[in-house]
Amino acid sequence: MQQSFEEKLNMLKNGDIKDVVIEKNDFIDFREVLVQREDFKHFSGNAKQGGQIVYTYLNIARS
């Protein structure tokens, strides 16, 4: 069974994983979970060719 988006974000925040790759088809559902978090601005997404987005966690929140 695939881990939930919330679990993946927590693992990323805790440093258990270095990034989270989100497929184009999952972006809307993932973003709904992401923007509800208090630490939303600590996550940075980088779009890749083909529609994948690679998220990393920043120690300092973006402005």
Foldseek 3Di string as FASTA:
>chain_A
DDDDLVVVVVCQVVVVDFKDKDAQVCVVVNVVVLVVDPLSQQKDWDADPRGIIIIHGHPDGDD
